[in-house]
Amino acid sequence: MLDFDNLDQQVGAFVEEYVDSFITWDLILFFHENPYTVGSPSSIAMSIGRLGSDIEPYLERMAAKGILSYEYRAGDGAETIYAYKPEPDFEKMVIDFKRALKDRASRLIIVSKVLQKEARR
């Protein structure tokens, strides 16, 4: 049985606040590892092996939380362009999150928490 109290408190708070799905998980780690990426939902989706239509709502939520900035480009191929613009505190939380993922027990707890969130949707 997983002991949810064994998860670092700050990592647990980060997961509760920011990691609402496995798509968000992928996006957070992608932008953290590729901080200068600027792109449309379809180009970002291609980079993480997902569909643009699948990730667009998650990009919008990340922008609303201040993790990403965005710009709407009008014209024939009108689209929203996203870029990673986190606060330094957020970057530290991502580093702690990545460190927790290296520990099997912590990773299982995090996966369990995200699955519970996805089941509630």
PDB file of N, CA and C in Angstrom:
ATOM      1  N   MET A   1       0.850  -1.185   0.000  1.00  0.00           N
ATOM      2  CA  MET A   1       0.000   0.000   0.000  1.00  0.00           C
ATOM      3  C   MET A   1       0.895   1.247   0.000  1.00  0.00           C
ATOM      4  N   LEU A   2       0.499   2.235  -0.782  1.00  0.00           N
ATOM      5  CA  LEU A   2       1.263   3.474  -0.861  1.00  0.00           C
ATOM      6  C   LEU A   2       1.006   4.344   0.358  1.00  0.00           C
ATOM      7  N   ASP A   3       2.065   4.909   0.889  1.00  0.00           N
ATOM      8  CA  ASP A   3       1.955   5.826   2.011  1.00  0.00           C
ATOM      9  C   ASP A   3       2.042   7.251   1.464  1.00  0.00           C
ATOM     10  N   PHE A   4       0.887   7.864   1.261  1.00  0.00           N
ATOM     11  CA  PHE A   4       0.833   9.183   0.646  1.00  0.00           C
ATOM     12  C   PHE A   4       1.535  10.248   1.490  1.00  0.00           C
ATOM     13  N   ASP A   5       1.749   9.965   2.775  1.00  0.00           N
ATOM     14  CA  ASP A   5       2.446  10.917   3.634  1.00  0.00           C
ATOM     15  C   ASP A   5       3.943  10.939   3.363  1.00  0.00           C
ATOM     16  N   ASN A   6       4.454   9.931   2.641  1.00  0.00           N
ATOM     17  CA  ASN A   6       5.882   9.875   2.341  1.00  0.00           C
ATOM     18  C   ASN A   6       6.299  10.794   1.202  1.00  0.00           C
ATOM     19  N   LEU A   7       5.349  11.344   0.474  1.00  0.00           N
ATOM     20  CA  LEU A   7       5.675  12.258  -0.614  1.00  0.00           C
ATOM     21  C   LEU A   7       6.056  13.611  -0.026  1.00  0.00           C
ATOM     22  N   ASP A   8       7.164  14.157  -0.509  1.00  0.00           N
ATOM     23  CA  ASP A   8       7.599  15.489  -0.070  1.00  0.00           C
ATOM     24  C   ASP A   8       6.416  16.448  -0.155  1.00  0.00           C
ATOM     25  N   GLN A   9       6.218  17.205   0.906  1.00  0.00           N
ATOM     26  CA  GLN A   9       5.048  18.080   1.012  1.00  0.00           C
ATOM     27  C   GLN A   9       4.988  19.102  -0.129  1.00  0.00           C
ATOM     28  N   GLN A  10       6.138  19.671  -0.489  1.00  0.00           N
ATOM     29  CA  GLN A  10       6.157  20.669  -1.567  1.00  0.00           C
ATOM     30  C   GLN A  10       5.865  20.034  -2.921  1.00  0.00           C
ATOM     31  N   VAL A  11       6.366  18.830  -3.131  1.00  0.00           N
ATOM     32  CA  VAL A  11       6.068  18.114  -4.376  1.00  0.00           C
ATOM     33  C   VAL A  11       4.581  17.783  -4.429  1.00  0.00           C
ATOM     34  N   GLY A  12       4.022  17.343  -3.325  1.00  0.00           N
ATOM     35  CA  GLY A  12       2.589  17.055  -3.267  1.00  0.00           C
ATOM     36  C   GLY A  12       1.757  18.287  -3.581  1.00  0.00           C
ATOM     37  N   ALA A  13       2.150  19.429  -3.043  1.00  0.00           N
ATOM     38  CA  ALA A  13       1.430  20.679  -3.311  1.00  0.00           C
ATOM     39  C   ALA A  13       1.563  21.067  -4.786  1.00  0.00           C
ATOM     40  N   PHE A  14       2.743  20.856  -5.364  1.00  0.00           N
ATOM     41  CA  PHE A  14       2.963  21.141  -6.784  1.00  0.00           C
ATOM     42  C   PHE A  14       2.049  20.278  -7.652  1.00  0.00           C
ATOM     43  N   VAL A  15       1.984  18.997  -7.338  1.00  0.00           N
ATOM     44  CA  VAL A  15       1.129  18.080  -8.102  1.00  0.00           C
ATOM     45  C   VAL A  15      -0.329  18.512  -7.973  1.00  0.00           C
ATOM     46  N   GLU A  16      -0.758  18.842  -6.760  1.00  0.00           N
ATOM     47  CA  GLU A  16      -2.144  19.276  -6.552  1.00  0.00           C
ATOM     48  C   GLU A  16      -2.469  20.533  -7.350  1.00  0.00           C
ATOM     49  N   GLU A  17      -1.548  21.482  -7.374  1.00  0.00           N
ATOM     50  CA  GLU A  17      -1.785  22.782  -8.011  1.00  0.00           C
ATOM     51  C   GLU A  17      -1.626  22.742  -9.529  1.00  0.00           C
ATOM     52  N   TYR A  18      -0.629  22.032 -10.022  1.00  0.00           N
ATOM     53  CA  TYR A  18      -0.269  22.158 -11.430  1.00  0.00           C
ATOM     54  C   TYR A  18      -0.436  20.905 -12.289  1.00  0.00           C
ATOM     55  N   VAL A  19      -0.312  19.722 -11.735  1.00  0.00           N
ATOM     56  CA  VAL A  19      -0.309  18.505 -12.550  1.00  0.00           C
ATOM     57  C   VAL A  19      -1.697  17.862 -12.503  1.00  0.00           C
ATOM     58  N   ASP A  20      -2.572  18.349 -13.382  1.00  0.00           N
ATOM     59  CA  ASP A  20      -3.950  17.874 -13.369  1.00  0.00           C
ATOM     60  C   ASP A  20      -4.199  16.715 -14.333  1.00  0.00           C
ATOM     61  N   SER A  21      -3.155  16.351 -15.114  1.00  0.00           N
ATOM     62  CA  SER A  21      -3.297  15.257 -16.076  1.00  0.00           C
ATOM     63  C   SER A  21      -1.912  14.816 -16.531  1.00  0.00           C
ATOM     64  N   PHE A  22      -1.883  13.694 -17.239  1.00  0.00           N
ATOM     65  CA  PHE A  22      -0.612  13.238 -17.789  1.00  0.00           C
ATOM     66  C   PHE A  22      -0.170  14.129 -18.944  1.00  0.00           C
ATOM     67  N   ILE A  23      -1.121  14.774 -19.613  1.00  0.00           N
ATOM     68  CA  ILE A  23      -0.759  15.731 -20.664  1.00  0.00           C
ATOM     69  C   ILE A  23      -0.051  16.922 -20.042  1.00  0.00           C
ATOM     70  N   THR A  24      -0.589  17.457 -18.956  1.00  0.00           N
ATOM     71  CA  THR A  24       0.058  18.576 -18.280  1.00  0.00           C
ATOM     72  C   THR A  24       1.437  18.162 -17.778  1.00  0.00           C
ATOM     73  N   TRP A  25       1.534  16.970 -17.230  1.00  0.00           N
ATOM     74  CA  TRP A  25       2.815  16.417 -16.772  1.00  0.00           C
ATOM     75  C   TRP A  25       3.824  16.473 -17.914  1.00  0.00           C
ATOM     76  N   ASP A  26       3.420  15.939 -19.086  1.00  0.00           N
ATOM     77  CA  ASP A  26       4.302  15.942 -20.258  1.00  0.00           C
ATOM     78  C   ASP A  26       4.692  17.360 -20.661  1.00  0.00           C
ATOM     79  N   LEU A  27       3.717  18.260 -20.667  1.00  0.00           N
ATOM     80  CA  LEU A  27       3.985  19.633 -21.083  1.00  0.00           C
ATOM     81  C   LEU A  27       4.935  20.349 -20.122  1.00  0.00           C
ATOM     82  N   ILE A  28       4.718  20.182 -18.835  1.00  0.00           N
ATOM     83  CA  ILE A  28       5.596  20.824 -17.853  1.00  0.00           C
ATOM     84  C   ILE A  28       7.035  20.352 -18.043  1.00  0.00           C
ATOM     85  N   LEU A  29       7.222  19.049 -18.164  1.00  0.00           N
ATOM     86  CA  LEU A  29       8.580  18.530 -18.334  1.00  0.00           C
ATOM     87  C   LEU A  29       9.163  18.919 -19.693  1.00  0.00           C
ATOM     88  N   PHE A  30       8.343  18.928 -20.728  1.00  0.00           N
ATOM     89  CA  PHE A  30       8.831  19.336 -22.049  1.00  0.00           C
ATOM     90  C   PHE A  30       9.337  20.776 -22.017  1.00  0.00           C
ATOM     91  N   PHE A  31       8.528  21.686 -21.497  1.00  0.00           N
ATOM     92  CA  PHE A  31       8.949  23.094 -21.467  1.00  0.00           C
ATOM     93  C   PHE A  31      10.138  23.309 -20.531  1.00  0.00           C
ATOM     94  N   HIS A  32      10.172  22.585 -19.439  1.00  0.00           N
ATOM     95  CA  HIS A  32      11.310  22.711 -18.525  1.00  0.00           C
ATOM     96  C   HIS A  32      12.613  22.292 -19.227  1.00  0.00           C
ATOM     97  N   GLU A  33      12.534  21.212 -19.997  1.00  0.00           N
ATOM     98  CA  GLU A  33      13.725  20.697 -20.680  1.00  0.00           C
ATOM     99  C   GLU A  33      14.020  21.439 -21.982  1.00  0.00           C
ATOM    100  N   ASN A  34      13.060  22.186 -22.493  1.00  0.00           N
ATOM    101  CA  ASN A  34      13.205  22.958 -23.735  1.00  0.00           C
ATOM    102  C   ASN A  34      12.671  24.372 -23.496  1.00  0.00           C
ATOM    103  N   PRO A  35      13.311  25.135 -22.616  1.00  0.00           N
ATOM    104  CA  PRO A  35      12.735  26.403 -22.157  1.00  0.00           C
ATOM    105  C   PRO A  35      12.610  27.492 -23.220  1.00  0.00           C
ATOM    106  N   TYR A  36      13.291  27.351 -24.345  1.00  0.00           N
ATOM    107  CA  TYR A  36      13.221  28.385 -25.379  1.00  0.00           C
ATOM    108  C   TYR A  36      12.247  28.030 -26.496  1.00  0.00           C
ATOM    109  N   THR A  37      11.484  26.974 -26.288  1.00  0.00           N
ATOM    110  CA  THR A  37      10.495  26.568 -27.278  1.00  0.00           C
ATOM    111  C   THR A  37       9.394  27.616 -27.381  1.00  0.00           C
ATOM    112  N   VAL A  38       9.092  27.981 -28.594  1.00  0.00           N
ATOM    113  CA  VAL A  38       7.972  28.875 -28.894  1.00  0.00           C
ATOM    114  C   VAL A  38       7.220  28.193 -30.030  1.00  0.00           C
ATOM    115  N   GLY A  39       5.928  27.938 -29.823  1.00  0.00           N
ATOM    116  CA  GLY A  39       5.228  27.233 -30.888  1.00  0.00           C
ATOM    117  C   GLY A  39       3.733  27.182 -30.732  1.00  0.00           C
ATOM    118  N   SER A  40       3.119  26.705 -31.772  1.00  0.00           N
ATOM    119  CA  SER A  40       1.672  26.521 -31.806  1.00  0.00           C
ATOM    120  C   SER A  40       1.331  25.198 -31.116  1.00  0.00           C
ATOM    121  N   PRO A  41       0.066  25.007 -30.776  1.00  0.00           N
ATOM    122  CA  PRO A  41      -0.313  23.724 -30.182  1.00  0.00           C
ATOM    123  C   PRO A  41       0.094  22.531 -31.050  1.00  0.00           C
ATOM    124  N   SER A  42      -0.046  22.648 -32.356  1.00  0.00           N
ATOM    125  CA  SER A  42       0.301  21.508 -33.209  1.00  0.00           C
ATOM    126  C   SER A  42       1.799  21.234 -33.215  1.00  0.00           C
ATOM    127  N   SER A  43       2.630  22.278 -33.211  1.00  0.00           N
ATOM    128  CA  SER A  43       4.077  22.038 -33.211  1.00  0.00           C
ATOM    129  C   SER A  43       4.557  21.502 -31.863  1.00  0.00           C
ATOM    130  N   ILE A  44       3.979  22.003 -30.786  1.00  0.00           N
ATOM    131  CA  ILE A  44       4.331  21.507 -29.450  1.00  0.00           C
ATOM    132  C   ILE A  44       3.856  20.053 -29.300  1.00  0.00           C
ATOM    133  N   ALA A  45       2.646  19.789 -29.782  1.00  0.00           N
ATOM    134  CA  ALA A  45       2.091  18.434 -29.697  1.00  0.00           C
ATOM    135  C   ALA A  45       2.971  17.433 -30.433  1.00  0.00           C
ATOM    136  N   MET A  46       3.462  17.825 -31.609  1.00  0.00           N
ATOM    137  CA  MET A  46       4.335  16.934 -32.370  1.00  0.00           C
ATOM    138  C   MET A  46       5.596  16.596 -31.563  1.00  0.00           C
ATOM    139  N   SER A  47       6.098  17.575 -30.826  1.00  0.00           N
ATOM    140  CA  SER A  47       7.315  17.368 -30.038  1.00  0.00           C
ATOM    141  C   SER A  47       7.117  16.384 -28.896  1.00  0.00           C
ATOM    142  N   ILE A  48       5.879  16.286 -28.396  1.00  0.00           N
ATOM    143  CA  ILE A  48       5.633  15.375 -27.265  1.00  0.00           C
ATOM    144  C   ILE A  48       4.806  14.152 -27.673  1.00  0.00           C
ATOM    145  N   GLY A  49       4.567  13.999 -28.974  1.00  0.00           N
ATOM    146  CA  GLY A  49       3.867  12.815 -29.457  1.00  0.00           C
ATOM    147  C   GLY A  49       2.380  12.800 -29.167  1.00  0.00           C
ATOM    148  N   ARG A  50       1.761  13.960 -29.223  1.00  0.00           N
ATOM    149  CA  ARG A  50       0.319  14.062 -28.991  1.00  0.00           C
ATOM    150  C   ARG A  50      -0.324  14.884 -30.103  1.00  0.00           C
ATOM    151  N   LEU A  51      -1.629  14.979 -30.090  1.00  0.00           N
ATOM    152  CA  LEU A  51      -2.349  15.787 -31.070  1.00  0.00           C
ATOM    153  C   LEU A  51      -2.530  17.206 -30.552  1.00  0.00           C
ATOM    154  N   GLY A  52      -2.434  18.185 -31.456  1.00  0.00           N
ATOM    155  CA  GLY A  52      -2.612  19.584 -31.069  1.00  0.00           C
ATOM    156  C   GLY A  52      -3.958  19.839 -30.422  1.00  0.00           C
ATOM    157  N   SER A  53      -5.003  19.215 -30.964  1.00  0.00           N
ATOM    158  CA  SER A  53      -6.349  19.410 -30.402  1.00  0.00           C
ATOM    159  C   SER A  53      -6.456  18.839 -28.993  1.00  0.00           C
ATOM    160  N   ASP A  54      -5.637  17.822 -28.689  1.00  0.00           N
ATOM    161  CA  ASP A  54      -5.649  17.232 -27.344  1.00  0.00           C
ATOM    162  C   ASP A  54      -4.971  18.131 -26.319  1.00  0.00           C
ATOM    163  N   ILE A  55      -3.920  18.827 -26.736  1.00  0.00           N
ATOM    164  CA  ILE A  55      -3.153  19.592 -25.737  1.00  0.00           C
ATOM    165  C   ILE A  55      -3.580  21.045 -25.611  1.00  0.00           C
ATOM    166  N   GLU A  56      -4.326  21.564 -26.579  1.00  0.00           N
ATOM    167  CA  GLU A  56      -4.674  22.984 -26.552  1.00  0.00           C
ATOM    168  C   GLU A  56      -5.359  23.430 -25.257  1.00  0.00           C
ATOM    169  N   PRO A  57      -6.352  22.699 -24.740  1.00  0.00           N
ATOM    170  CA  PRO A  57      -6.971  23.146 -23.474  1.00  0.00           C
ATOM    171  C   PRO A  57      -5.967  23.177 -22.310  1.00  0.00           C
ATOM    172  N   TYR A  58      -4.997  22.280 -22.332  1.00  0.00           N
ATOM    173  CA  TYR A  58      -3.997  22.232 -21.263  1.00  0.00           C
ATOM    174  C   TYR A  58      -3.015  23.395 -21.391  1.00  0.00           C
ATOM    175  N   LEU A  59      -2.666  23.751 -22.624  1.00  0.00           N
ATOM    176  CA  LEU A  59      -1.821  24.921 -22.840  1.00  0.00           C
ATOM    177  C   LEU A  59      -2.533  26.183 -22.341  1.00  0.00           C
ATOM    178  N   GLU A  60      -3.831  26.267 -22.621  1.00  0.00           N
ATOM    179  CA  GLU A  60      -4.614  27.420 -22.172  1.00  0.00           C
ATOM    180  C   GLU A  60      -4.625  27.515 -20.649  1.00  0.00           C
ATOM    181  N   ARG A  61      -4.804  26.372 -19.973  1.00  0.00           N
ATOM    182  CA  ARG A  61      -4.813  26.377 -18.505  1.00  0.00           C
ATOM    183  C   ARG A  61      -3.443  26.758 -17.951  1.00  0.00           C
ATOM    184  N   MET A  62      -2.379  26.263 -18.594  1.00  0.00           N
ATOM    185  CA  MET A  62      -1.027  26.614 -18.138  1.00  0.00           C
ATOM    186  C   MET A  62      -0.774  28.109 -18.332  1.00  0.00           C
ATOM    187  N   ALA A  63      -1.292  28.671 -19.405  1.00  0.00           N
ATOM    188  CA  ALA A  63      -1.157  30.113 -19.627  1.00  0.00           C
ATOM    189  C   ALA A  63      -1.943  30.888 -18.575  1.00  0.00           C
ATOM    190  N   ALA A  64      -3.137  30.408 -18.245  1.00  0.00           N
ATOM    191  CA  ALA A  64      -3.950  31.077 -17.222  1.00  0.00           C
ATOM    192  C   ALA A  64      -3.267  31.057 -15.857  1.00  0.00           C
ATOM    193  N   LYS A  65      -2.448  30.024 -15.605  1.00  0.00           N
ATOM    194  CA  LYS A  65      -1.726  29.929 -14.325  1.00  0.00           C
ATOM    195  C   LYS A  65      -0.390  30.672 -14.364  1.00  0.00           C
ATOM    196  N   GLY A  66      -0.058  31.276 -15.502  1.00  0.00           N
ATOM    197  CA  GLY A  66       1.167  32.066 -15.598  1.00  0.00           C
ATOM    198  C   GLY A  66       2.422  31.264 -15.908  1.00  0.00           C
ATOM    199  N   ILE A  67       2.258  30.007 -16.299  1.00  0.00           N
ATOM    200  CA  ILE A  67       3.412  29.171 -16.632  1.00  0.00           C
ATOM    201  C   ILE A  67       3.863  29.456 -18.061  1.00  0.00           C
ATOM    202  N   LEU A  68       2.892  29.705 -18.931  1.00  0.00           N
ATOM    203  CA  LEU A  68       3.173  29.999 -20.335  1.00  0.00           C
ATOM    204  C   LEU A  68       2.663  31.394 -20.677  1.00  0.00           C
ATOM    205  N   SER A  69       3.338  32.024 -21.618  1.00  0.00           N
ATOM    206  CA  SER A  69       2.792  33.248 -22.202  1.00  0.00           C
ATOM    207  C   SER A  69       2.233  32.848 -23.561  1.00  0.00           C
ATOM    208  N   TYR A  70       1.379  33.674 -24.120  1.00  0.00           N
ATOM    209  CA  TYR A  70       0.819  33.352 -25.419  1.00  0.00           C
ATOM    210  C   TYR A  70       0.556  34.617 -26.208  1.00  0.00           C
ATOM    211  N   GLU A  71       0.498  34.428 -27.512  1.00  0.00           N
ATOM    212  CA  GLU A  71       0.242  35.527 -28.430  1.00  0.00           C
ATOM    213  C   GLU A  71      -0.621  34.982 -29.545  1.00  0.00           C
ATOM    214  N   TYR A  72      -1.671  35.708 -29.882  1.00  0.00           N
ATOM    215  CA  TYR A  72      -2.541  35.275 -30.969  1.00  0.00           C
ATOM    216  C   TYR A  72      -2.039  35.907 -32.259  1.00  0.00           C
ATOM    217  N   ARG A  73      -1.790  35.081 -33.242  1.00  0.00           N
ATOM    218  CA  ARG A  73      -1.328  35.565 -34.537  1.00  0.00           C
ATOM    219  C   ARG A  73      -2.454  35.399 -35.544  1.00  0.00           C
ATOM    220  N   ALA A  74      -2.957  36.538 -36.017  1.00  0.00           N
ATOM    221  CA  ALA A  74      -4.061  36.539 -36.976  1.00  0.00           C
ATOM    222  C   ALA A  74      -3.522  36.302 -38.380  1.00  0.00           C
ATOM    223  N   GLY A  75      -4.415  36.056 -39.295  1.00  0.00           N
ATOM    224  CA  GLY A  75      -4.030  35.846 -40.689  1.00  0.00           C
ATOM    225  C   GLY A  75      -4.636  34.574 -41.223  1.00  0.00           C
ATOM    226  N   ASP A  76      -4.121  34.128 -42.355  1.00  0.00           N
ATOM    227  CA  ASP A  76      -4.646  32.919 -42.986  1.00  0.00           C
ATOM    228  C   ASP A  76      -4.538  31.711 -42.071  1.00  0.00           C
ATOM    229  N   GLY A  77      -3.378  31.535 -41.464  1.00  0.00           N
ATOM    230  CA  GLY A  77      -3.166  30.413 -40.555  1.00  0.00           C
ATOM    231  C   GLY A  77      -3.218  30.892 -39.124  1.00  0.00           C
ATOM    232  N   ALA A  78      -4.294  31.599 -38.763  1.00  0.00           N
ATOM    233  CA  ALA A  78      -4.411  32.176 -37.421  1.00  0.00           C
ATOM    234  C   ALA A  78      -4.212  31.096 -36.356  1.00  0.00           C
ATOM    235  N   GLU A  79      -3.384  31.418 -35.386  1.00  0.00           N
ATOM    236  CA  GLU A  79      -3.119  30.459 -34.320  1.00  0.00           C
ATOM    237  C   GLU A  79      -2.565  31.174 -33.090  1.00  0.00           C
ATOM    238  N   THR A  80      -2.600  30.464 -31.989  1.00  0.00           N
ATOM    239  CA  THR A  80      -2.007  30.969 -30.758  1.00  0.00           C
ATOM    240  C   THR A  80      -0.621  30.361 -30.628  1.00  0.00           C
ATOM    241  N   ILE A  81       0.335  31.194 -30.266  1.00  0.00           N
ATOM    242  CA  ILE A  81       1.719  30.755 -30.093  1.00  0.00           C
ATOM    243  C   ILE A  81       2.033  30.818 -28.600  1.00  0.00           C
ATOM    244  N   TYR A  82       2.603  29.748 -28.071  1.00  0.00           N
ATOM    245  CA  TYR A  82       2.908  29.646 -26.642  1.00  0.00           C
ATOM    246  C   TYR A  82       4.415  29.633 -26.409  1.00  0.00           C
ATOM    247  N   ALA A  83       4.810  30.192 -25.265  1.00  0.00           N
ATOM    248  CA  ALA A  83       6.217  30.179 -24.845  1.00  0.00           C
ATOM    249  C   ALA A  83       6.265  29.975 -23.334  1.00  0.00           C
ATOM    250  N   TYR A  84       7.337  29.378 -22.875  1.00  0.00           N
ATOM    251  CA  TYR A  84       7.535  29.073 -21.450  1.00  0.00           C
ATOM    252  C   TYR A  84       8.045  30.313 -20.740  1.00  0.00           C
ATOM    253  N   LYS A  85       7.281  30.791 -19.781  1.00  0.00           N
ATOM    254  CA  LYS A  85       7.656  31.983 -19.019  1.00  0.00           C
ATOM    255  C   LYS A  85       7.371  31.782 -17.531  1.00  0.00           C
ATOM    256  N   PRO A  86       8.000  30.806 -16.920  1.00  0.00           N
ATOM    257  CA  PRO A  86       7.699  30.524 -15.508  1.00  0.00           C
ATOM    258  C   PRO A  86       8.407  31.485 -14.563  1.00  0.00           C
ATOM    259  N   GLU A  87       7.870  31.591 -13.390  1.00  0.00           N
ATOM    260  CA  GLU A  87       8.535  32.314 -12.316  1.00  0.00           C
ATOM    261  C   GLU A  87       9.671  31.427 -11.789  1.00  0.00           C
ATOM    262  N   PRO A  88      10.715  32.016 -11.218  1.00  0.00           N
ATOM    263  CA  PRO A  88      11.818  31.205 -10.665  1.00  0.00           C
ATOM    264  C   PRO A  88      11.345  30.171  -9.644  1.00  0.00           C
ATOM    265  N   ASP A  89      10.351  30.503  -8.837  1.00  0.00           N
ATOM    266  CA  ASP A  89       9.827  29.555  -7.847  1.00  0.00           C
ATOM    267  C   ASP A  89       9.212  28.330  -8.534  1.00  0.00           C
ATOM    268  N   PHE A  90       8.560  28.557  -9.663  1.00  0.00           N
ATOM    269  CA  PHE A  90       7.966  27.443 -10.395  1.00  0.00           C
ATOM    270  C   PHE A  90       9.064  26.518 -10.913  1.00  0.00           C
ATOM    271  N   GLU A  91      10.126  27.093 -11.432  1.00  0.00           N
ATOM    272  CA  GLU A  91      11.245  26.287 -11.938  1.00  0.00           C
ATOM    273  C   GLU A  91      11.823  25.410 -10.830  1.00  0.00           C
ATOM    274  N   LYS A  92      11.942  25.964  -9.632  1.00  0.00           N
ATOM    275  CA  LYS A  92      12.462  25.178  -8.509  1.00  0.00           C
ATOM    276  C   LYS A  92      11.509  24.019  -8.195  1.00  0.00           C
ATOM    277  N   MET A  93      10.207  24.290  -8.256  1.00  0.00           N
ATOM    278  CA  MET A  93       9.225  23.229  -8.000  1.00  0.00           C
ATOM    279  C   MET A  93       9.320  22.126  -9.052  1.00  0.00           C
ATOM    280  N   VAL A  94       9.564  22.493 -10.308  1.00  0.00           N
ATOM    281  CA  VAL A  94       9.697  21.484 -11.362  1.00  0.00           C
ATOM    282  C   VAL A  94      10.935  20.630 -11.112  1.00  0.00           C
ATOM    283  N   ILE A  95      12.018  21.252 -10.692  1.00  0.00           N
ATOM    284  CA  ILE A  95      13.245  20.507 -10.378  1.00  0.00           C
ATOM    285  C   ILE A  95      12.973  19.510  -9.250  1.00  0.00           C
ATOM    286  N   ASP A  96      12.263  19.941  -8.225  1.00  0.00           N
ATOM    287  CA  ASP A  96      11.907  19.043  -7.113  1.00  0.00           C
ATOM    288  C   ASP A  96      10.977  17.920  -7.598  1.00  0.00           C
ATOM    289  N   PHE A  97      10.044  18.252  -8.489  1.00  0.00           N
ATOM    290  CA  PHE A  97       9.132  17.275  -9.071  1.00  0.00           C
ATOM    291  C   PHE A  97       9.923  16.219  -9.844  1.00  0.00           C
ATOM    292  N   LYS A  98      10.852  16.664 -10.681  1.00  0.00           N
ATOM    293  CA  LYS A  98      11.679  15.724 -11.451  1.00  0.00           C
ATOM    294  C   LYS A  98      12.504  14.826 -10.533  1.00  0.00           C
ATOM    295  N   ARG A  99      13.019  15.395  -9.468  1.00  0.00           N
ATOM    296  CA  ARG A  99      13.803  14.610  -8.503  1.00  0.00           C
ATOM    297  C   ARG A  99      12.913  13.551  -7.855  1.00  0.00           C
ATOM    298  N   ALA A 100      11.698  13.915  -7.502  1.00  0.00           N
ATOM    299  CA  ALA A 100      10.769  12.963  -6.880  1.00  0.00           C
ATOM    300  C   ALA A 100      10.422  11.827  -7.845  1.00  0.00           C
ATOM    301  N   LEU A 101      10.375  12.127  -9.137  1.00  0.00           N
ATOM    302  CA  LEU A 101      10.034  11.097 -10.118  1.00  0.00           C
ATOM    303  C   LEU A 101      11.103  10.017 -10.221  1.00  0.00           C
ATOM    304  N   LYS A 102      12.298  10.315  -9.779  1.00  0.00           N
ATOM    305  CA  LYS A 102      13.383   9.319  -9.815  1.00  0.00           C
ATOM    306  C   LYS A 102      13.236   8.271  -8.719  1.00  0.00           C
ATOM    307  N   ASP A 103      12.471   8.598  -7.685  1.00  0.00           N
ATOM    308  CA  ASP A 103      12.225   7.666  -6.584  1.00  0.00           C
ATOM    309  C   ASP A 103      10.955   6.877  -6.893  1.00  0.00           C
ATOM    310  N   ARG A 104      11.069   5.560  -6.927  1.00  0.00           N
ATOM    311  CA  ARG A 104       9.947   4.702  -7.316  1.00  0.00           C
ATOM    312  C   ARG A 104       8.693   4.949  -6.474  1.00  0.00           C
ATOM    313  N   ALA A 105       8.842   4.983  -5.171  1.00  0.00           N
ATOM    314  CA  ALA A 105       7.671   5.163  -4.297  1.00  0.00           C
ATOM    315  C   ALA A 105       7.012   6.525  -4.538  1.00  0.00           C
ATOM    316  N   SER A 106       7.820   7.564  -4.649  1.00  0.00           N
ATOM    317  CA  SER A 106       7.265   8.900  -4.910  1.00  0.00           C
ATOM    318  C   SER A 106       6.571   8.946  -6.262  1.00  0.00           C
ATOM    319  N   ARG A 107       7.199   8.340  -7.267  1.00  0.00           N
ATOM    320  CA  ARG A 107       6.618   8.318  -8.605  1.00  0.00           C
ATOM    321  C   ARG A 107       5.260   7.611  -8.593  1.00  0.00           C
ATOM    322  N   LEU A 108       5.161   6.501  -7.882  1.00  0.00           N
ATOM    323  CA  LEU A 108       3.885   5.779  -7.798  1.00  0.00           C
ATOM    324  C   LEU A 108       2.810   6.614  -7.110  1.00  0.00           C
ATOM    325  N   ILE A 109       3.190   7.336  -6.087  1.00  0.00           N
ATOM    326  CA  ILE A 109       2.234   8.210  -5.391  1.00  0.00           C
ATOM    327  C   ILE A 109       1.754   9.311  -6.340  1.00  0.00           C
ATOM    328  N   ILE A 110       2.698   9.912  -7.082  1.00  0.00           N
ATOM    329  CA  ILE A 110       2.338  10.983  -8.016  1.00  0.00           C
ATOM    330  C   ILE A 110       1.416  10.440  -9.105  1.00  0.00           C
ATOM    331  N   VAL A 111       1.760   9.288  -9.671  1.00  0.00           N
ATOM    332  CA  VAL A 111       0.920   8.675 -10.704  1.00  0.00           C
ATOM    333  C   VAL A 111      -0.482   8.414 -10.142  1.00  0.00           C
ATOM    334  N   SER A 112      -0.550   7.908  -8.932  1.00  0.00           N
ATOM    335  CA  SER A 112      -1.838   7.640  -8.298  1.00  0.00           C
ATOM    336  C   SER A 112      -2.657   8.924  -8.153  1.00  0.00           C
ATOM    337  N   LYS A 113      -2.014   9.993  -7.720  1.00  0.00           N
ATOM    338  CA  LYS A 113      -2.716  11.275  -7.557  1.00  0.00           C
ATOM    339  C   LYS A 113      -3.255  11.789  -8.894  1.00  0.00           C
ATOM    340  N   VAL A 114      -2.441  11.681  -9.941  1.00  0.00           N
ATOM    341  CA  VAL A 114      -2.875  12.160 -11.258  1.00  0.00           C
ATOM    342  C   VAL A 114      -4.003  11.283 -11.799  1.00  0.00           C
ATOM    343  N   LEU A 115      -3.903   9.975 -11.609  1.00  0.00           N
ATOM    344  CA  LEU A 115      -4.990   9.085 -12.037  1.00  0.00           C
ATOM    345  C   LEU A 115      -6.297   9.428 -11.324  1.00  0.00           C
ATOM    346  N   GLN A 116      -6.218   9.735 -10.039  1.00  0.00           N
ATOM    347  CA  GLN A 116      -7.417  10.115  -9.287  1.00  0.00           C
ATOM    348  C   GLN A 116      -8.026  11.388  -9.865  1.00  0.00           C
ATOM    349  N   LYS A 117      -7.186  12.357 -10.229  1.00  0.00           N
ATOM    350  CA  LYS A 117      -7.692  13.601 -10.826  1.00  0.00           C
ATOM    351  C   LYS A 117      -8.356  13.318 -12.169  1.00  0.00           C
ATOM    352  N   GLU A 118      -7.713  12.475 -12.969  1.00  0.00           N
ATOM    353  CA  GLU A 118      -8.278  12.173 -14.285  1.00  0.00           C
ATOM    354  C   GLU A 118      -9.594  11.406 -14.162  1.00  0.00           C
ATOM    355  N   ALA A 119      -9.702  10.559 -13.158  1.00  0.00           N
ATOM    356  CA  ALA A 119     -10.934   9.790 -12.947  1.00  0.00           C
ATOM    357  C   ALA A 119     -12.087  10.696 -12.548  1.00  0.00           C
ATOM    358  N   ARG A 120     -11.788  11.807 -11.896  1.00  0.00           N
ATOM    359  CA  ARG A 120     -12.836  12.743 -11.454  1.00  0.00           C
ATOM    360  C   ARG A 120     -13.376  13.601 -12.603  1.00  0.00           C
ATOM    361  N   ARG A 121     -12.643  13.661 -13.701  1.00  0.00           N
ATOM    362  CA  ARG A 121     -13.087  14.504 -14.815  1.00  0.00           C
ATOM    363  C   ARG A 121     -14.214  13.916 -15.566  1.00  0.00           C
TER     364      ARG A 121
END
